[in-house]
Amino acid sequence: MRVVIQRVASADVTINGVVNGAINRGLLVLVGIEEADGDEDISWLTNKMVNLRIFDDEAGVMNCSVKDIDGEILLISQFTLHASTKKGNRPSYIKAAKPDISIPLYEALIRQLAADLGKPVATGIFGADMKVRLLNDGPVTIVIDSKNRE
């Protein structure tokens, strides 16, 4: 499982002209799921995301997590995070899990992330054509792959 985490002042996702999910201060998380992913990846990643200390404390030092600041999370599925660009100019998405595998994992990720955060997580709709808007704060952008946790 690969995530791109962006610290935001606000973010929202619109589908067919309707806002599906919106947050204020917190994290916009784009997630790509591959076939080798499972419950261990979810547990490890959600713990890492909610405890990642990338928000400023009162001294202006990045020492607080999204939980510490009572922030919010907007989670968006994005299979293109597993694009392979090794050959040619057209990306291959062969590593991205098919919907029958990725949808249940995405839904489990939402549930676990909400439990770890202690509040609901805003989302897009899996597989939809989404328009994501954000006001990046910093900017702070971090990429984490659960396969590189060792």
C-alpha atoms as a PDB file:
ATOM      1  CA  MET A   1       0.000   0.000   0.000  1.00  0.00           C
ATOM      2  CA  ARG A   2       1.406   3.359  -0.987  1.00  0.00           C
ATOM      3  CA  VAL A   3       0.214   6.710   0.337  1.00  0.00           C
ATOM      4  CA  VAL A   4       0.956  10.308  -0.470  1.00  0.00           C
ATOM      5  CA  ILE A   5       0.216  12.412   2.605  1.00  0.00           C
ATOM      6  CA  GLN A   6      -0.223  16.160   2.318  1.00  0.00           C
ATOM      7  CA  ARG A   7      -0.624  18.475   5.290  1.00  0.00           C
ATOM      8  CA  VAL A   8      -3.497  20.781   4.382  1.00  0.00           C
ATOM      9  CA  ALA A   9      -5.315  23.824   5.680  1.00  0.00           C
ATOM     10  CA  SER A  10      -8.357  22.475   3.821  1.00  0.00           C
ATOM     11  CA  ALA A  11      -9.248  19.951   1.116  1.00  0.00           C
ATOM     12  CA  ASP A  12     -12.309  18.615  -0.660  1.00  0.00           C
ATOM     13  CA  VAL A  13     -13.279  16.111  -3.312  1.00  0.00           C
ATOM     14  CA  THR A  14     -16.050  16.745  -5.832  1.00  0.00           C
ATOM     15  CA  ILE A  15     -17.771  14.081  -7.927  1.00  0.00           C
ATOM     16  CA  ASN A  16     -20.142  15.113 -10.728  1.00  0.00           C
ATOM     17  CA  GLY A  17     -20.204  18.669  -9.373  1.00  0.00           C
ATOM     18  CA  VAL A  18     -21.144  17.597  -5.824  1.00  0.00           C
ATOM     19  CA  VAL A  19     -18.773  17.747  -2.842  1.00  0.00           C
ATOM     20  CA  ASN A  20     -18.447  14.209  -1.511  1.00  0.00           C
ATOM     21  CA  GLY A  21     -15.918  14.865   1.245  1.00  0.00           C
ATOM     22  CA  ALA A  22     -14.343  17.971   2.757  1.00  0.00           C
ATOM     23  CA  ILE A  23     -11.995  18.712   5.640  1.00  0.00           C
ATOM     24  CA  ASN A  24     -10.405  21.647   7.342  1.00  0.00           C
ATOM     25  CA  ARG A  25      -6.940  21.393   8.895  1.00  0.00           C
ATOM     26  CA  GLY A  26      -5.527  17.906   8.610  1.00  0.00           C
ATOM     27  CA  LEU A  27      -4.272  15.404   6.067  1.00  0.00           C
ATOM     28  CA  LEU A  28      -5.185  14.709   2.473  1.00  0.00           C
ATOM     29  CA  VAL A  29      -4.149  11.100   1.856  1.00  0.00           C
ATOM     30  CA  LEU A  30      -3.982   9.535  -1.606  1.00  0.00           C
ATOM     31  CA  VAL A  31      -3.781   5.730  -1.416  1.00  0.00           C
ATOM     32  CA  GLY A  32      -2.780   3.145  -3.991  1.00  0.00           C
ATOM     33  CA  ILE A  33      -3.419  -0.526  -3.287  1.00  0.00           C
ATOM     34  CA  GLU A  34      -1.547  -3.463  -4.805  1.00  0.00           C
ATOM     35  CA  GLU A  35      -2.479  -7.143  -4.820  1.00  0.00           C
ATOM     36  CA  ALA A  36       0.114  -8.048  -2.172  1.00  0.00           C
ATOM     37  CA  ASP A  37      -1.492  -5.709   0.385  1.00  0.00           C
ATOM     38  CA  GLY A  38      -3.435  -6.945   3.390  1.00  0.00           C
ATOM     39  CA  ASP A  39      -4.519  -6.272   6.963  1.00  0.00           C
ATOM     40  CA  GLU A  40      -0.938  -5.865   8.226  1.00  0.00           C
ATOM     41  CA  ASP A  41      -0.355  -3.056   5.717  1.00  0.00           C
ATOM     42  CA  ILE A  42      -3.542  -1.340   6.859  1.00  0.00           C
ATOM     43  CA  SER A  43      -2.696  -1.559  10.566  1.00  0.00           C
ATOM     44  CA  TRP A  44       0.847  -0.331  10.075  1.00  0.00           C
ATOM     45  CA  LEU A  45      -0.109   2.522   7.741  1.00  0.00           C
ATOM     46  CA  THR A  46      -3.054   3.853   9.734  1.00  0.00           C
ATOM     47  CA  ASN A  47      -0.964   3.920  12.898  1.00  0.00           C
ATOM     48  CA  LYS A  48       1.815   5.718  11.035  1.00  0.00           C
ATOM     49  CA  MET A  49      -0.571   8.264   9.472  1.00  0.00           C
ATOM     50  CA  VAL A  50      -2.414   9.318  12.620  1.00  0.00           C
ATOM     51  CA  ASN A  51       0.796   9.550  14.667  1.00  0.00           C
ATOM     52  CA  LEU A  52       3.082  11.176  12.083  1.00  0.00           C
ATOM     53  CA  ARG A  53       4.385  14.355  13.719  1.00  0.00           C
ATOM     54  CA  ILE A  54       4.145  16.884  10.892  1.00  0.00           C
ATOM     55  CA  PHE A  55       2.118  19.666  12.506  1.00  0.00           C
ATOM     56  CA  ASP A  56       3.728  22.566  14.341  1.00  0.00           C
ATOM     57  CA  ASP A  57       3.676  22.756  18.118  1.00  0.00           C
ATOM     58  CA  GLU A  58       3.502  26.063  20.006  1.00  0.00           C
ATOM     59  CA  ALA A  59       7.238  26.598  19.340  1.00  0.00           C
ATOM     60  CA  GLY A  60       6.761  26.206  15.572  1.00  0.00           C
ATOM     61  CA  VAL A  61       8.462  22.790  15.485  1.00  0.00           C
ATOM     62  CA  MET A  62       6.864  19.875  13.608  1.00  0.00           C
ATOM     63  CA  ASN A  63       6.128  17.865  16.729  1.00  0.00           C
ATOM     64  CA  CYS A  64       2.359  17.214  16.638  1.00  0.00           C
ATOM     65  CA  SER A  65       0.288  14.567  14.871  1.00  0.00           C
ATOM     66  CA  VAL A  66      -3.104  14.955  13.221  1.00  0.00           C
ATOM     67  CA  LYS A  67      -4.544  13.343  16.383  1.00  0.00           C
ATOM     68  CA  ASP A  68      -2.734  15.854  18.614  1.00  0.00           C
ATOM     69  CA  ILE A  69      -4.250  18.822  16.766  1.00  0.00           C
ATOM     70  CA  ASP A  70      -7.719  17.211  16.523  1.00  0.00           C
ATOM     71  CA  GLY A  71      -7.334  17.386  12.742  1.00  0.00           C
ATOM     72  CA  GLU A  72      -9.260  15.665   9.996  1.00  0.00           C
ATOM     73  CA  ILE A  73      -8.383  13.235   7.200  1.00  0.00           C
ATOM     74  CA  LEU A  74      -9.619  13.086   3.604  1.00  0.00           C
ATOM     75  CA  LEU A  75      -8.769   9.694   2.019  1.00  0.00           C
ATOM     76  CA  ILE A  76      -8.821   9.302  -1.762  1.00  0.00           C
ATOM     77  CA  SER A  77      -8.185   6.069  -3.683  1.00  0.00           C
ATOM     78  CA  GLN A  78      -5.647   6.518  -6.491  1.00  0.00           C
ATOM     79  CA  PHE A  79      -4.482   3.429  -8.361  1.00  0.00           C
ATOM     80  CA  THR A  80      -2.019   5.514 -10.397  1.00  0.00           C
ATOM     81  CA  LEU A  81       0.313   5.606  -7.372  1.00  0.00           C
ATOM     82  CA  HIS A  82       1.471   2.168  -8.511  1.00  0.00           C
ATOM     83  CA  ALA A  83       2.331   3.307 -12.030  1.00  0.00           C
ATOM     84  CA  SER A  84       5.444   1.785 -13.561  1.00  0.00           C
ATOM     85  CA  THR A  85       7.289   4.149 -15.887  1.00  0.00           C
ATOM     86  CA  LYS A  86      10.351   1.988 -16.565  1.00  0.00           C
ATOM     87  CA  LYS A  87       9.579   1.288 -20.220  1.00  0.00           C
ATOM     88  CA  GLY A  88       8.265   3.819 -22.728  1.00  0.00           C
ATOM     89  CA  ASN A  89       6.161   6.856 -21.990  1.00  0.00           C
ATOM     90  CA  ARG A  90       2.844   5.211 -21.208  1.00  0.00           C
ATOM     91  CA  PRO A  91       2.623   4.153 -17.541  1.00  0.00           C
ATOM     92  CA  SER A  92       1.711   0.582 -16.726  1.00  0.00           C
ATOM     93  CA  TYR A  93      -0.643  -0.069 -13.809  1.00  0.00           C
ATOM     94  CA  ILE A  94      -0.064  -3.828 -13.619  1.00  0.00           C
ATOM     95  CA  LYS A  95       0.895  -3.645  -9.908  1.00  0.00           C
ATOM     96  CA  ALA A  96      -2.336  -1.882  -8.930  1.00  0.00           C
ATOM     97  CA  ALA A  97      -4.887  -4.284  -7.439  1.00  0.00           C
ATOM     98  CA  LYS A  98      -8.086  -4.969  -9.341  1.00  0.00           C
ATOM     99  CA  PRO A  99     -11.340  -3.689  -7.759  1.00  0.00           C
ATOM    100  CA  ASP A 100     -12.337  -7.081  -6.308  1.00  0.00           C
ATOM    101  CA  ILE A 101      -9.207  -6.916  -4.129  1.00  0.00           C
ATOM    102  CA  SER A 102      -8.737  -3.181  -3.693  1.00  0.00           C
ATOM    103  CA  ILE A 103     -12.302  -2.129  -2.769  1.00  0.00           C
ATOM    104  CA  PRO A 104     -12.531  -4.336   0.370  1.00  0.00           C
ATOM    105  CA  LEU A 105      -9.024  -3.212   1.403  1.00  0.00           C
ATOM    106  CA  TYR A 106      -9.914   0.447   0.805  1.00  0.00           C
ATOM    107  CA  GLU A 107     -13.072   0.075   2.906  1.00  0.00           C
ATOM    108  CA  ALA A 108     -11.098  -1.665   5.686  1.00  0.00           C
ATOM    109  CA  LEU A 109      -8.541   1.148   5.532  1.00  0.00           C
ATOM    110  CA  ILE A 110     -11.306   3.740   6.006  1.00  0.00           C
ATOM    111  CA  ARG A 111     -12.695   1.873   9.032  1.00  0.00           C
ATOM    112  CA  GLN A 112      -9.291   1.405  10.675  1.00  0.00           C
ATOM    113  CA  LEU A 113      -8.201   4.981   9.985  1.00  0.00           C
ATOM    114  CA  ALA A 114     -11.420   6.324  11.529  1.00  0.00           C
ATOM    115  CA  ALA A 115     -10.948   4.088  14.574  1.00  0.00           C
ATOM    116  CA  ASP A 116      -7.318   5.167  15.014  1.00  0.00           C
ATOM    117  CA  LEU A 117      -8.182   8.844  14.498  1.00  0.00           C
ATOM    118  CA  GLY A 118     -11.220   8.659  16.760  1.00  0.00           C
ATOM    119  CA  LYS A 119     -13.556  10.323  14.267  1.00  0.00           C
ATOM    120  CA  PRO A 120     -15.000   9.744  10.789  1.00  0.00           C
ATOM    121  CA  VAL A 121     -12.736  10.033   7.762  1.00  0.00           C
ATOM    122  CA  ALA A 122     -13.913  11.974   4.701  1.00  0.00           C
ATOM    123  CA  THR A 123     -13.551  10.084   1.403  1.00  0.00           C
ATOM    124  CA  GLY A 124     -14.068  10.142  -2.297  1.00  0.00           C
ATOM    125  CA  ILE A 125     -15.806   7.291  -4.122  1.00  0.00           C
ATOM    126  CA  PHE A 126     -13.656   4.393  -5.251  1.00  0.00           C
ATOM    127  CA  GLY A 127     -13.196   4.425  -9.030  1.00  0.00           C
ATOM    128  CA  ALA A 128     -15.082   7.678  -9.594  1.00  0.00           C
ATOM    129  CA  ASP A 129     -13.808  10.595 -11.669  1.00  0.00           C
ATOM    130  CA  MET A 130     -12.917  12.927  -8.808  1.00  0.00           C
ATOM    131  CA  LYS A 131     -11.802  16.531  -8.632  1.00  0.00           C
ATOM    132  CA  VAL A 132      -9.585  17.022  -5.586  1.00  0.00           C
ATOM    133  CA  ARG A 133      -8.848  20.511  -4.326  1.00  0.00           C
ATOM    134  CA  LEU A 134      -6.464  21.330  -1.506  1.00  0.00           C
ATOM    135  CA  LEU A 135      -4.735  24.193   0.199  1.00  0.00           C
ATOM    136  CA  ASN A 136      -1.355  22.636   1.003  1.00  0.00           C
ATOM    137  CA  ASP A 137       0.046  23.821   4.323  1.00  0.00           C
ATOM    138  CA  GLY A 138       3.807  24.232   4.248  1.00  0.00           C
ATOM    139  CA  PRO A 139       3.938  22.572   1.781  1.00  0.00           C
ATOM    140  CA  VAL A 140       4.437  19.268   3.574  1.00  0.00           C
ATOM    141  CA  THR A 141       4.155  16.143   1.413  1.00  0.00           C
ATOM    142  CA  ILE A 142       5.317  12.671   2.480  1.00  0.00           C
ATOM    143  CA  VAL A 143       5.250   9.386   0.563  1.00  0.00           C
ATOM    144  CA  ILE A 144       5.057   6.120   2.521  1.00  0.00           C
ATOM    145  CA  ASP A 145       5.005   2.590   1.132  1.00  0.00           C
ATOM    146  CA  SER A 146       4.023  -0.182   3.529  1.00  0.00           C
ATOM    147  CA  LYS A 147       6.365  -2.547   1.689  1.00  0.00           C
ATOM    148  CA  ASN A 148       9.334  -0.377   2.745  1.00  0.00           C
ATOM    149  CA  ARG A 149       8.681  -0.452   6.497  1.00  0.00           C
ATOM    150  CA  GLU A 150      11.667  -2.597   7.443  1.00  0.00           C
END
